[in-house]
Amino acid sequence: MSARYHFHSIQRSDRLNHDRRIRILGGTNRDGSRWKISHETAVAGIVEGRWSFFITQDEREIDVVVAVSRYGNKYLKTAEDAGAHPDRLLALPECR
């Protein structure tokens, strides 16, 4: 079973493509320490089955999944995002 982590912030890129708009994702460990991970590393961790991620919205957990753009690029969005854009992830605050 993969380890499960909570994303609570992101660092946006200057790209407009839906599959390249997020560079870094951040979270907090149970001990309160903060961590950041690159978008590419997070995608690889999910694909390889090492990690799973989620966000919270209205006190419920929403899974983060790997999607594939029409150009074959893997990127993250939530399981509840309609269409190609990672709207719920983009709504997270900016990482400090």
C-alpha atoms as a PDB file:
ATOM      1  CA  MET A   1       0.000   0.000   0.000  1.00  0.00           C
ATOM      2  CA  SER A   2       1.314   3.435  -0.895  1.00  0.00           C
ATOM      3  CA  ALA A   3       1.956   6.167   1.648  1.00  0.00           C
ATOM      4  CA  ARG A   4      -0.757   8.867   1.581  1.00  0.00           C
ATOM      5  CA  TYR A   5       0.053  12.588   1.770  1.00  0.00           C
ATOM      6  CA  HIS A   6      -1.966  15.807   1.881  1.00  0.00           C
ATOM      7  CA  PHE A   7      -1.215  18.636  -0.558  1.00  0.00           C
ATOM      8  CA  HIS A   8      -2.101  22.035   0.851  1.00  0.00           C
ATOM      9  CA  SER A   9      -0.148  24.441  -1.383  1.00  0.00           C
ATOM     10  CA  ILE A  10       1.370  24.747  -4.842  1.00  0.00           C
ATOM     11  CA  GLN A  11       3.904  26.823  -6.716  1.00  0.00           C
ATOM     12  CA  ARG A  12       2.601  27.834 -10.111  1.00  0.00           C
ATOM     13  CA  SER A  13       4.640  28.082 -13.269  1.00  0.00           C
ATOM     14  CA  ASP A  14       4.266  30.845 -15.838  1.00  0.00           C
ATOM     15  CA  ARG A  15       2.961  28.313 -18.382  1.00  0.00           C
ATOM     16  CA  LEU A  16      -0.631  28.379 -19.583  1.00  0.00           C
ATOM     17  CA  ASN A  17      -0.853  24.718 -20.652  1.00  0.00           C
ATOM     18  CA  HIS A  18      -3.058  22.762 -18.226  1.00  0.00           C
ATOM     19  CA  ASP A  19      -0.404  20.059 -17.967  1.00  0.00           C
ATOM     20  CA  ARG A  20       2.430  22.482 -17.106  1.00  0.00           C
ATOM     21  CA  ARG A  21       0.833  25.021 -14.766  1.00  0.00           C
ATOM     22  CA  ILE A  22       2.111  23.527 -11.499  1.00  0.00           C
ATOM     23  CA  ARG A  23       5.821  23.258 -10.628  1.00  0.00           C
ATOM     24  CA  ILE A  24       5.907  22.401  -6.920  1.00  0.00           C
ATOM     25  CA  LEU A  25       3.394  20.948  -4.448  1.00  0.00           C
ATOM     26  CA  GLY A  26       3.641  21.305  -0.693  1.00  0.00           C
ATOM     27  CA  GLY A  27       2.287  19.573   2.375  1.00  0.00           C
ATOM     28  CA  THR A  28       2.774  19.026   6.091  1.00  0.00           C
ATOM     29  CA  ASN A  29       3.881  15.872   7.908  1.00  0.00           C
ATOM     30  CA  ARG A  30       2.080  14.648  11.017  1.00  0.00           C
ATOM     31  CA  ASP A  31       4.815  16.188  13.172  1.00  0.00           C
ATOM     32  CA  GLY A  32       4.128  19.613  11.611  1.00  0.00           C
ATOM     33  CA  SER A  33       7.245  19.732   9.455  1.00  0.00           C
ATOM     34  CA  ARG A  34       6.683  21.038   5.935  1.00  0.00           C
ATOM     35  CA  TRP A  35       7.760  19.434   2.688  1.00  0.00           C
ATOM     36  CA  LYS A  36       7.753  20.306  -0.996  1.00  0.00           C
ATOM     37  CA  ILE A  37       7.927  18.017  -3.998  1.00  0.00           C
ATOM     38  CA  SER A  38       8.277  18.715  -7.697  1.00  0.00           C
ATOM     39  CA  HIS A  39       5.320  18.030  -9.946  1.00  0.00           C
ATOM     40  CA  GLU A  40       7.377  15.475 -11.896  1.00  0.00           C
ATOM     41  CA  THR A  41       8.424  13.612  -8.747  1.00  0.00           C
ATOM     42  CA  ALA A  42       4.820  13.485  -7.509  1.00  0.00           C
ATOM     43  CA  VAL A  43       3.613  12.102 -10.843  1.00  0.00           C
ATOM     44  CA  ALA A  44       6.344   9.449 -10.827  1.00  0.00           C
ATOM     45  CA  GLY A  45       5.523   8.486  -7.223  1.00  0.00           C
ATOM     46  CA  ILE A  46       1.862   7.935  -8.057  1.00  0.00           C
ATOM     47  CA  VAL A  47       2.593   6.042 -11.282  1.00  0.00           C
ATOM     48  CA  GLU A  48       5.087   3.781  -9.484  1.00  0.00           C
ATOM     49  CA  GLY A  49       2.628   3.159  -6.629  1.00  0.00           C
ATOM     50  CA  ARG A  50       4.922   4.620  -3.933  1.00  0.00           C
ATOM     51  CA  TRP A  51       2.625   7.489  -2.894  1.00  0.00           C
ATOM     52  CA  SER A  52      -0.916   8.729  -3.114  1.00  0.00           C
ATOM     53  CA  PHE A  53      -1.982  12.314  -2.547  1.00  0.00           C
ATOM     54  CA  PHE A  54      -5.151  14.177  -1.694  1.00  0.00           C
ATOM     55  CA  ILE A  55      -6.443  17.663  -1.006  1.00  0.00           C
ATOM     56  CA  THR A  56      -9.221  18.656   1.365  1.00  0.00           C
ATOM     57  CA  GLN A  57     -12.242  20.670   0.359  1.00  0.00           C
ATOM     58  CA  ASP A  58     -15.279  21.241   2.564  1.00  0.00           C
ATOM     59  CA  GLU A  59     -13.763  18.825   5.111  1.00  0.00           C
ATOM     60  CA  ARG A  60     -13.578  15.908   2.666  1.00  0.00           C
ATOM     61  CA  GLU A  61     -10.590  14.257   1.050  1.00  0.00           C
ATOM     62  CA  ILE A  62     -10.343  14.433  -2.732  1.00  0.00           C
ATOM     63  CA  ASP A  63      -7.809  12.151  -4.411  1.00  0.00           C
ATOM     64  CA  VAL A  64      -5.133  13.555  -6.688  1.00  0.00           C
ATOM     65  CA  VAL A  65      -4.736  11.499  -9.857  1.00  0.00           C
ATOM     66  CA  VAL A  66      -2.433  11.400 -12.853  1.00  0.00           C
ATOM     67  CA  ALA A  67      -4.001  12.546 -16.117  1.00  0.00           C
ATOM     68  CA  VAL A  68      -2.504  12.503 -19.600  1.00  0.00           C
ATOM     69  CA  SER A  69      -2.752  15.493 -21.939  1.00  0.00           C
ATOM     70  CA  ARG A  70      -3.602  15.075 -25.590  1.00  0.00           C
ATOM     71  CA  TYR A  71       0.132  15.459 -26.236  1.00  0.00           C
ATOM     72  CA  GLY A  72       0.986  12.541 -23.947  1.00  0.00           C
ATOM     73  CA  ASN A  73       2.258  14.612 -20.989  1.00  0.00           C
ATOM     74  CA  LYS A  74       1.408  13.270 -17.532  1.00  0.00           C
ATOM     75  CA  TYR A  75       0.153  15.799 -15.002  1.00  0.00           C
ATOM     76  CA  LEU A  76      -1.786  16.011 -11.745  1.00  0.00           C
ATOM     77  CA  LYS A  77      -5.396  16.976 -11.153  1.00  0.00           C
ATOM     78  CA  THR A  78      -8.029  15.875  -8.677  1.00  0.00           C
ATOM     79  CA  ALA A  79     -10.412  13.017  -9.330  1.00  0.00           C
ATOM     80  CA  GLU A  80     -13.260  15.538  -9.205  1.00  0.00           C
ATOM     81  CA  ASP A  81     -11.864  18.057 -11.710  1.00  0.00           C
ATOM     82  CA  ALA A  82     -14.037  18.171 -14.805  1.00  0.00           C
ATOM     83  CA  GLY A  83     -12.169  18.324 -18.100  1.00  0.00           C
ATOM     84  CA  ALA A  84      -8.443  18.716 -18.499  1.00  0.00           C
ATOM     85  CA  HIS A  85      -7.668  21.598 -16.141  1.00  0.00           C
ATOM     86  CA  PRO A  86      -6.429  20.955 -12.576  1.00  0.00           C
ATOM     87  CA  ASP A  87      -8.773  23.612 -11.140  1.00  0.00           C
ATOM     88  CA  ARG A  88      -8.920  22.347  -7.558  1.00  0.00           C
ATOM     89  CA  LEU A  89      -5.128  22.107  -7.319  1.00  0.00           C
ATOM     90  CA  LEU A  90      -4.758  25.570  -8.852  1.00  0.00           C
ATOM     91  CA  ALA A  91      -7.103  26.914  -6.160  1.00  0.00           C
ATOM     92  CA  LEU A  92      -4.630  25.928  -3.419  1.00  0.00           C
ATOM     93  CA  PRO A  93      -2.591  28.755  -1.897  1.00  0.00           C
ATOM     94  CA  GLU A  94       0.935  29.502  -3.048  1.00  0.00           C
ATOM     95  CA  CYS A  95       3.739  27.651  -1.209  1.00  0.00           C
ATOM     96  CA  ARG A  96       5.789  29.778   1.156  1.00  0.00           C
END
